[in-house]
Amino acid sequence: MTDLTLHDLSKKMAKLDFAMMATRSAAGVITARPMSNNGDVDYRGESYFFSYQDSRKIADLSDDPHTTLSYTGAAGMLGGPPLFVTVEGRAALIEDRQAFADHWTKDLDRYFPDGIDTPGIVMIRVDAARIRYWDGSDEGEITP
């Protein structure tokens, strides 16, 4: 077993754009949905996602900011094992246009046609408290 640093893991995660974001609803039900980092994967323990303010996930996170992100990478060269990463953390809802601009990528225009000026847009920042990874026979935990 090798202990990866956050920097080492970040390099591996740069190829993992999609995560499943799990939240707890007001009824206590855990639900998950796919979210894209939209290429903003220079990972330092924070993950950034965009959403509409009136979505269920925003209601869930407003009631309970605890969330888990699950990433899965494709198998490596020659059929090597995929990378799995889970991030446990707390979400913060950001409504600052400058913060939007700092994390905006052109691919987001597909979902938010008016860019950072799209009505009802909000950014979700997940601050990691614990990160677990599995990369073949290599596994470990990082606390940022």
N, C-alpha and C. Protein backbone atom coordinates (compact mmCIF):
# COMPACT_ATOMS: atom_id res chain seq x y z
N MET A 1 0.84 -1.18 0.00
CA MET A 1 0.00 0.00 0.00
C MET A 1 0.89 1.24 0.00
N THR A 2 0.55 2.18 -0.88
CA THR A 2 1.26 3.43 -0.99
C THR A 2 0.36 4.55 -0.50
N ASP A 3 0.92 5.46 0.27
CA ASP A 3 0.13 6.61 0.72
C ASP A 3 0.32 7.74 -0.28
N LEU A 4 -0.74 8.06 -1.01
CA LEU A 4 -0.70 9.17 -1.94
C LEU A 4 -0.84 10.48 -1.18
N THR A 5 -0.18 11.50 -1.66
CA THR A 5 -0.41 12.84 -1.14
C THR A 5 -1.62 13.41 -1.86
N LEU A 6 -2.16 14.50 -1.34
CA LEU A 6 -3.28 15.15 -2.02
C LEU A 6 -2.87 15.58 -3.42
N HIS A 7 -1.64 16.05 -3.58
CA HIS A 7 -1.15 16.45 -4.90
C HIS A 7 -1.11 15.25 -5.86
N ASP A 8 -0.62 14.11 -5.39
CA ASP A 8 -0.58 12.90 -6.23
C ASP A 8 -1.98 12.48 -6.64
N LEU A 9 -2.89 12.47 -5.67
CA LEU A 9 -4.26 12.08 -5.96
C LEU A 9 -4.91 13.08 -6.92
N SER A 10 -4.60 14.35 -6.77
CA SER A 10 -5.14 15.38 -7.64
C SER A 10 -4.80 15.10 -9.10
N LYS A 11 -3.55 14.68 -9.35
CA LYS A 11 -3.14 14.37 -10.72
C LYS A 11 -3.97 13.24 -11.30
N LYS A 12 -4.26 12.24 -10.47
CA LYS A 12 -5.09 11.11 -10.93
C LYS A 12 -6.54 11.54 -11.13
N MET A 13 -7.04 12.39 -10.23
CA MET A 13 -8.43 12.83 -10.31
C MET A 13 -8.69 13.79 -11.46
N ALA A 14 -7.64 14.39 -12.02
CA ALA A 14 -7.82 15.35 -13.11
C ALA A 14 -8.54 14.71 -14.29
N LYS A 15 -8.49 13.40 -14.40
CA LYS A 15 -9.16 12.70 -15.50
C LYS A 15 -10.59 12.30 -15.14
N LEU A 16 -11.01 12.51 -13.89
CA LEU A 16 -12.33 12.10 -13.42
C LEU A 16 -13.25 13.31 -13.35
N ASP A 17 -14.02 13.54 -14.38
CA ASP A 17 -14.85 14.73 -14.42
C ASP A 17 -16.17 14.54 -13.69
N PHE A 18 -16.76 13.36 -13.75
CA PHE A 18 -18.08 13.16 -13.17
C PHE A 18 -18.01 12.50 -11.81
N ALA A 19 -18.89 12.97 -10.93
CA ALA A 19 -19.03 12.40 -9.59
C ALA A 19 -20.51 12.17 -9.33
N MET A 20 -20.80 11.24 -8.47
CA MET A 20 -22.15 11.10 -7.93
C MET A 20 -22.16 11.87 -6.61
N MET A 21 -23.08 12.83 -6.50
CA MET A 21 -23.21 13.63 -5.28
C MET A 21 -24.39 13.10 -4.48
N ALA A 22 -24.11 12.64 -3.27
CA ALA A 22 -25.16 12.11 -2.40
C ALA A 22 -25.53 13.16 -1.35
N THR A 23 -26.84 13.33 -1.15
CA THR A 23 -27.36 14.25 -0.15
C THR A 23 -28.46 13.54 0.63
N ARG A 24 -28.84 14.14 1.74
CA ARG A 24 -29.95 13.62 2.54
C ARG A 24 -31.12 14.60 2.41
N SER A 25 -32.28 14.06 2.04
CA SER A 25 -33.47 14.90 1.89
C SER A 25 -34.07 15.24 3.25
N ALA A 26 -35.02 16.16 3.25
CA ALA A 26 -35.71 16.53 4.48
C ALA A 26 -36.43 15.34 5.09
N ALA A 27 -36.82 14.37 4.25
CA ALA A 27 -37.50 13.16 4.73
C ALA A 27 -36.51 12.11 5.24
N GLY A 28 -35.20 12.42 5.16
CA GLY A 28 -34.19 11.50 5.65
C GLY A 28 -33.69 10.50 4.64
N VAL A 29 -34.16 10.59 3.42
CA VAL A 29 -33.77 9.67 2.35
C VAL A 29 -32.47 10.14 1.72
N ILE A 30 -31.55 9.21 1.51
CA ILE A 30 -30.30 9.55 0.82
C ILE A 30 -30.50 9.33 -0.67
N THR A 31 -30.10 10.33 -1.44
CA THR A 31 -30.24 10.25 -2.88
C THR A 31 -28.94 10.75 -3.52
N ALA A 32 -28.69 10.33 -4.74
CA ALA A 32 -27.46 10.74 -5.43
C ALA A 32 -27.79 11.07 -6.88
N ARG A 33 -26.99 11.96 -7.42
CA ARG A 33 -27.15 12.33 -8.82
C ARG A 33 -25.79 12.67 -9.41
N PRO A 34 -25.63 12.47 -10.75
CA PRO A 34 -24.34 12.79 -11.37
C PRO A 34 -24.13 14.29 -11.46
N MET A 35 -22.89 14.68 -11.19
CA MET A 35 -22.50 16.09 -11.28
C MET A 35 -21.16 16.14 -12.02
N SER A 36 -20.97 17.20 -12.78
CA SER A 36 -19.72 17.36 -13.51
C SER A 36 -18.89 18.48 -12.92
N ASN A 37 -17.59 18.22 -12.79
CA ASN A 37 -16.65 19.26 -12.39
C ASN A 37 -16.37 20.22 -13.54
N ASN A 38 -16.83 19.85 -14.73
CA ASN A 38 -16.68 20.69 -15.91
C ASN A 38 -15.23 21.09 -16.18
N GLY A 39 -14.33 20.17 -15.92
CA GLY A 39 -12.92 20.43 -16.17
C GLY A 39 -12.22 21.18 -15.05
N ASP A 40 -12.96 21.60 -14.01
CA ASP A 40 -12.38 22.34 -12.89
C ASP A 40 -11.92 21.31 -11.85
N VAL A 41 -10.85 20.60 -12.16
CA VAL A 41 -10.43 19.48 -11.32
C VAL A 41 -9.00 19.64 -10.80
N ASP A 42 -8.54 20.86 -10.65
CA ASP A 42 -7.25 21.10 -10.00
C ASP A 42 -7.51 20.93 -8.51
N TYR A 43 -7.51 19.69 -8.06
CA TYR A 43 -8.07 19.32 -6.77
C TYR A 43 -7.13 19.64 -5.62
N ARG A 44 -7.66 20.44 -4.66
CA ARG A 44 -6.94 20.78 -3.45
C ARG A 44 -7.81 20.51 -2.21
N GLY A 45 -8.85 19.71 -2.39
CA GLY A 45 -9.75 19.42 -1.30
C GLY A 45 -11.09 20.11 -1.43
N GLU A 46 -11.24 20.96 -2.44
CA GLU A 46 -12.52 21.59 -2.72
C GLU A 46 -12.99 21.15 -4.10
N SER A 47 -14.28 20.88 -4.20
CA SER A 47 -14.89 20.54 -5.49
C SER A 47 -15.94 21.60 -5.78
N TYR A 48 -16.09 21.94 -7.06
CA TYR A 48 -17.03 22.99 -7.47
C TYR A 48 -17.99 22.46 -8.51
N PHE A 49 -19.28 22.77 -8.30
CA PHE A 49 -20.32 22.35 -9.22
C PHE A 49 -21.31 23.51 -9.37
N PHE A 50 -22.03 23.54 -10.49
CA PHE A 50 -23.06 24.54 -10.69
C PHE A 50 -24.42 23.87 -10.75
N SER A 51 -25.44 24.60 -10.32
CA SER A 51 -26.80 24.08 -10.30
C SER A 51 -27.77 25.24 -10.35
N TYR A 52 -29.04 24.88 -10.43
CA TYR A 52 -30.10 25.88 -10.31
C TYR A 52 -30.57 25.91 -8.86
N GLN A 53 -30.82 27.10 -8.36
CA GLN A 53 -31.22 27.33 -6.98
C GLN A 53 -32.46 26.53 -6.59
N ASP A 54 -33.38 26.31 -7.53
CA ASP A 54 -34.64 25.64 -7.21
C ASP A 54 -34.58 24.12 -7.36
N SER A 55 -33.38 23.55 -7.46
CA SER A 55 -33.27 22.09 -7.61
C SER A 55 -33.37 21.38 -6.26
N ARG A 56 -33.69 20.11 -6.32
CA ARG A 56 -33.82 19.32 -5.09
C ARG A 56 -32.49 19.25 -4.34
N LYS A 57 -31.39 19.11 -5.05
CA LYS A 57 -30.10 18.99 -4.36
C LYS A 57 -29.78 20.23 -3.55
N ILE A 58 -30.18 21.40 -4.06
CA ILE A 58 -29.93 22.64 -3.32
C ILE A 58 -30.80 22.68 -2.07
N ALA A 59 -32.04 22.23 -2.17
CA ALA A 59 -32.90 22.15 -0.99
C ALA A 59 -32.30 21.19 0.03
N ASP A 60 -31.83 20.03 -0.46
CA ASP A 60 -31.21 19.06 0.44
C ASP A 60 -29.99 19.65 1.15
N LEU A 61 -29.12 20.29 0.38
CA LEU A 61 -27.88 20.84 0.95
C LEU A 61 -28.16 22.03 1.88
N SER A 62 -29.23 22.76 1.62
CA SER A 62 -29.61 23.86 2.51
C SER A 62 -30.04 23.33 3.87
N ASP A 63 -30.72 22.19 3.87
CA ASP A 63 -31.17 21.58 5.12
C ASP A 63 -30.05 20.84 5.84
N ASP A 64 -29.18 20.19 5.07
CA ASP A 64 -28.08 19.39 5.64
C ASP A 64 -26.90 19.47 4.68
N PRO A 65 -25.87 20.24 5.00
CA PRO A 65 -24.77 20.45 4.06
C PRO A 65 -23.81 19.26 3.93
N HIS A 66 -23.98 18.21 4.72
CA HIS A 66 -23.10 17.05 4.58
C HIS A 66 -23.38 16.34 3.26
N THR A 67 -22.32 15.98 2.58
CA THR A 67 -22.46 15.31 1.29
C THR A 67 -21.30 14.35 1.08
N THR A 68 -21.51 13.42 0.19
CA THR A 68 -20.46 12.50 -0.24
C THR A 68 -20.39 12.55 -1.76
N LEU A 69 -19.19 12.64 -2.28
CA LEU A 69 -18.94 12.59 -3.71
C LEU A 69 -18.24 11.27 -4.01
N SER A 70 -18.72 10.56 -5.03
CA SER A 70 -18.10 9.30 -5.43
C SER A 70 -17.64 9.42 -6.88
N TYR A 71 -16.34 9.20 -7.09
CA TYR A 71 -15.75 9.26 -8.42
C TYR A 71 -15.28 7.86 -8.83
N THR A 72 -15.44 7.55 -10.11
CA THR A 72 -14.92 6.30 -10.65
C THR A 72 -14.23 6.60 -11.96
N GLY A 73 -13.00 6.13 -12.09
CA GLY A 73 -12.26 6.32 -13.33
C GLY A 73 -12.27 5.07 -14.17
N ALA A 74 -11.98 5.24 -15.42
CA ALA A 74 -11.90 4.10 -16.34
C ALA A 74 -10.69 3.23 -15.99
N ALA A 75 -10.75 1.99 -16.43
CA ALA A 75 -9.61 1.10 -16.23
C ALA A 75 -8.38 1.67 -16.91
N GLY A 76 -7.24 1.38 -16.34
CA GLY A 76 -5.98 1.89 -16.86
C GLY A 76 -5.52 1.17 -18.11
N MET A 77 -4.32 1.48 -18.53
CA MET A 77 -3.75 0.84 -19.71
C MET A 77 -3.67 -0.66 -19.50
N LEU A 78 -3.86 -1.39 -20.55
CA LEU A 78 -3.78 -2.85 -20.54
C LEU A 78 -4.77 -3.47 -19.55
N GLY A 79 -5.92 -2.79 -19.36
CA GLY A 79 -6.95 -3.35 -18.50
C GLY A 79 -6.66 -3.22 -17.02
N GLY A 80 -5.77 -2.31 -16.64
CA GLY A 80 -5.47 -2.11 -15.23
C GLY A 80 -6.71 -1.67 -14.47
N PRO A 81 -6.67 -1.74 -13.16
CA PRO A 81 -7.85 -1.42 -12.36
C PRO A 81 -8.22 0.06 -12.42
N PRO A 82 -9.51 0.35 -12.28
CA PRO A 82 -9.93 1.75 -12.26
C PRO A 82 -9.62 2.40 -10.92
N LEU A 83 -9.67 3.71 -10.91
CA LEU A 83 -9.50 4.50 -9.69
C LEU A 83 -10.88 4.80 -9.12
N PHE A 84 -11.04 4.60 -7.82
CA PHE A 84 -12.26 4.96 -7.11
C PHE A 84 -11.88 5.96 -6.03
N VAL A 85 -12.69 7.02 -5.89
CA VAL A 85 -12.44 8.04 -4.88
C VAL A 85 -13.77 8.43 -4.24
N THR A 86 -13.80 8.50 -2.92
CA THR A 86 -14.96 9.09 -2.23
C THR A 86 -14.47 10.28 -1.41
N VAL A 87 -15.27 11.31 -1.44
CA VAL A 87 -14.98 12.54 -0.71
C VAL A 87 -16.15 12.80 0.23
N GLU A 88 -15.87 12.84 1.51
CA GLU A 88 -16.89 13.23 2.49
C GLU A 88 -16.62 14.68 2.86
N GLY A 89 -17.66 15.49 2.83
CA GLY A 89 -17.44 16.89 3.13
C GLY A 89 -18.72 17.65 3.39
N ARG A 90 -18.56 18.96 3.46
CA ARG A 90 -19.68 19.88 3.69
C ARG A 90 -19.78 20.81 2.49
N ALA A 91 -21.01 21.05 2.08
CA ALA A 91 -21.25 21.92 0.94
C ALA A 91 -21.56 23.33 1.41
N ALA A 92 -21.09 24.29 0.65
CA ALA A 92 -21.45 25.69 0.82
C ALA A 92 -22.07 26.15 -0.49
N LEU A 93 -23.14 26.92 -0.39
CA LEU A 93 -23.81 27.44 -1.58
C LEU A 93 -23.31 28.85 -1.83
N ILE A 94 -22.76 29.06 -3.01
CA ILE A 94 -22.11 30.32 -3.37
C ILE A 94 -22.97 31.04 -4.41
N GLU A 95 -23.23 32.31 -4.19
CA GLU A 95 -24.03 33.10 -5.14
C GLU A 95 -23.25 34.31 -5.66
N ASP A 96 -21.95 34.28 -5.54
CA ASP A 96 -21.08 35.39 -5.94
C ASP A 96 -20.66 35.24 -7.40
N ARG A 97 -20.98 36.23 -8.22
CA ARG A 97 -20.68 36.16 -9.65
C ARG A 97 -19.19 36.07 -9.94
N GLN A 98 -18.36 36.73 -9.13
CA GLN A 98 -16.91 36.63 -9.35
C GLN A 98 -16.44 35.20 -9.10
N ALA A 99 -16.98 34.55 -8.07
CA ALA A 99 -16.64 33.15 -7.81
C ALA A 99 -17.11 32.28 -8.97
N PHE A 100 -18.29 32.59 -9.53
CA PHE A 100 -18.76 31.84 -10.70
C PHE A 100 -17.73 31.96 -11.82
N ALA A 101 -17.30 33.19 -12.09
CA ALA A 101 -16.35 33.44 -13.18
C ALA A 101 -15.03 32.71 -12.94
N ASP A 102 -14.62 32.62 -11.68
CA ASP A 102 -13.36 31.94 -11.36
C ASP A 102 -13.40 30.45 -11.67
N HIS A 103 -14.59 29.86 -11.69
CA HIS A 103 -14.72 28.41 -11.89
C HIS A 103 -15.53 28.06 -13.13
N TRP A 104 -15.81 29.03 -13.96
CA TRP A 104 -16.63 28.81 -15.15
C TRP A 104 -15.80 28.21 -16.27
N THR A 105 -16.39 27.30 -17.01
CA THR A 105 -15.78 26.78 -18.24
C THR A 105 -16.83 26.88 -19.35
N LYS A 106 -16.37 26.94 -20.55
CA LYS A 106 -17.26 27.10 -21.71
C LYS A 106 -18.28 25.96 -21.79
N ASP A 107 -17.94 24.77 -21.35
CA ASP A 107 -18.86 23.63 -21.40
C ASP A 107 -20.13 23.88 -20.58
N LEU A 108 -20.07 24.76 -19.60
CA LEU A 108 -21.24 25.05 -18.77
C LEU A 108 -22.32 25.80 -19.53
N ASP A 109 -21.96 26.46 -20.63
CA ASP A 109 -22.95 27.20 -21.42
C ASP A 109 -24.07 26.29 -21.92
N ARG A 110 -23.77 25.03 -22.04
CA ARG A 110 -24.78 24.05 -22.48
C ARG A 110 -25.95 23.97 -21.48
N TYR A 111 -25.65 24.10 -20.21
CA TYR A 111 -26.66 23.98 -19.16
C TYR A 111 -27.17 25.32 -18.65
N PHE A 112 -26.33 26.34 -18.79
CA PHE A 112 -26.65 27.68 -18.28
C PHE A 112 -26.45 28.67 -19.43
N PRO A 113 -27.49 28.85 -20.25
CA PRO A 113 -27.33 29.58 -21.52
C PRO A 113 -26.90 31.04 -21.40
N ASP A 114 -27.14 31.67 -20.25
CA ASP A 114 -26.71 33.06 -20.08
C ASP A 114 -25.43 33.15 -19.26
N GLY A 115 -24.68 32.07 -19.21
CA GLY A 115 -23.41 32.06 -18.49
C GLY A 115 -23.61 32.38 -17.02
N ILE A 116 -22.69 33.15 -16.46
CA ILE A 116 -22.77 33.47 -15.03
C ILE A 116 -23.96 34.38 -14.71
N ASP A 117 -24.61 34.90 -15.75
CA ASP A 117 -25.79 35.75 -15.55
C ASP A 117 -27.10 34.96 -15.67
N THR A 118 -27.01 33.66 -15.78
CA THR A 118 -28.22 32.83 -15.87
C THR A 118 -29.04 33.00 -14.60
N PRO A 119 -30.31 33.35 -14.72
CA PRO A 119 -31.15 33.50 -13.52
C PRO A 119 -31.23 32.19 -12.73
N GLY A 120 -31.11 32.30 -11.41
CA GLY A 120 -31.28 31.15 -10.54
C GLY A 120 -30.06 30.24 -10.41
N ILE A 121 -28.92 30.65 -10.94
CA ILE A 121 -27.73 29.81 -10.87
C ILE A 121 -27.09 29.93 -9.48
N VAL A 122 -26.51 28.84 -9.03
CA VAL A 122 -25.78 28.81 -7.76
C VAL A 122 -24.60 27.85 -7.93
N MET A 123 -23.52 28.14 -7.23
CA MET A 123 -22.37 27.25 -7.25
C MET A 123 -22.31 26.50 -5.92
N ILE A 124 -21.99 25.23 -6.01
CA ILE A 124 -21.82 24.39 -4.83
C ILE A 124 -20.32 24.16 -4.65
N ARG A 125 -19.80 24.53 -3.49
CA ARG A 125 -18.41 24.21 -3.15
C ARG A 125 -18.46 23.14 -2.06
N VAL A 126 -17.81 22.01 -2.32
CA VAL A 126 -17.73 20.95 -1.32
C VAL A 126 -16.32 20.97 -0.75
N ASP A 127 -16.23 21.20 0.55
CA ASP A 127 -14.95 21.20 1.25
C ASP A 127 -14.75 19.81 1.85
N ALA A 128 -13.72 19.12 1.40
CA ALA A 128 -13.47 17.75 1.84
C ALA A 128 -13.03 17.69 3.29
N ALA A 129 -13.60 16.76 4.02
CA ALA A 129 -13.16 16.47 5.38
C ALA A 129 -12.34 15.18 5.40
N ARG A 130 -12.69 14.25 4.50
CA ARG A 130 -11.99 12.97 4.41
C ARG A 130 -12.11 12.46 2.98
N ILE A 131 -11.00 11.97 2.46
CA ILE A 131 -10.95 11.42 1.10
C ILE A 131 -10.40 10.00 1.19
N ARG A 132 -11.13 9.06 0.60
CA ARG A 132 -10.65 7.68 0.52
C ARG A 132 -10.47 7.33 -0.95
N TYR A 133 -9.44 6.56 -1.23
CA TYR A 133 -9.20 6.16 -2.62
C TYR A 133 -8.81 4.69 -2.69
N TRP A 134 -9.12 4.10 -3.83
CA TRP A 134 -8.75 2.72 -4.16
C TRP A 134 -8.25 2.75 -5.59
N ASP A 135 -7.04 2.29 -5.79
CA ASP A 135 -6.41 2.29 -7.10
C ASP A 135 -5.72 0.95 -7.27
N GLY A 136 -6.48 -0.05 -7.68
CA GLY A 136 -5.93 -1.41 -7.74
C GLY A 136 -5.70 -1.91 -6.32
N SER A 137 -4.51 -2.35 -6.04
CA SER A 137 -4.19 -2.83 -4.70
C SER A 137 -3.78 -1.69 -3.77
N ASP A 138 -3.70 -0.49 -4.30
CA ASP A 138 -3.33 0.68 -3.53
C ASP A 138 -4.58 1.35 -2.99
N GLU A 139 -4.62 1.60 -1.70
CA GLU A 139 -5.75 2.31 -1.11
C GLU A 139 -5.25 3.16 0.04
N GLY A 140 -6.02 4.17 0.37
CA GLY A 140 -5.61 5.02 1.47
C GLY A 140 -6.65 6.08 1.78
N GLU A 141 -6.29 6.91 2.74
CA GLU A 141 -7.16 7.97 3.20
C GLU A 141 -6.35 9.24 3.37
N ILE A 142 -6.94 10.35 2.96
CA ILE A 142 -6.30 11.66 3.08
C ILE A 142 -7.26 12.59 3.82
N THR A 143 -6.75 13.33 4.76
CA THR A 143 -7.52 14.36 5.46
C THR A 143 -6.90 15.70 5.09
N PRO A 144 -7.57 16.45 4.20
CA PRO A 144 -6.97 17.72 3.75
C PRO A 144 -6.78 18.72 4.89
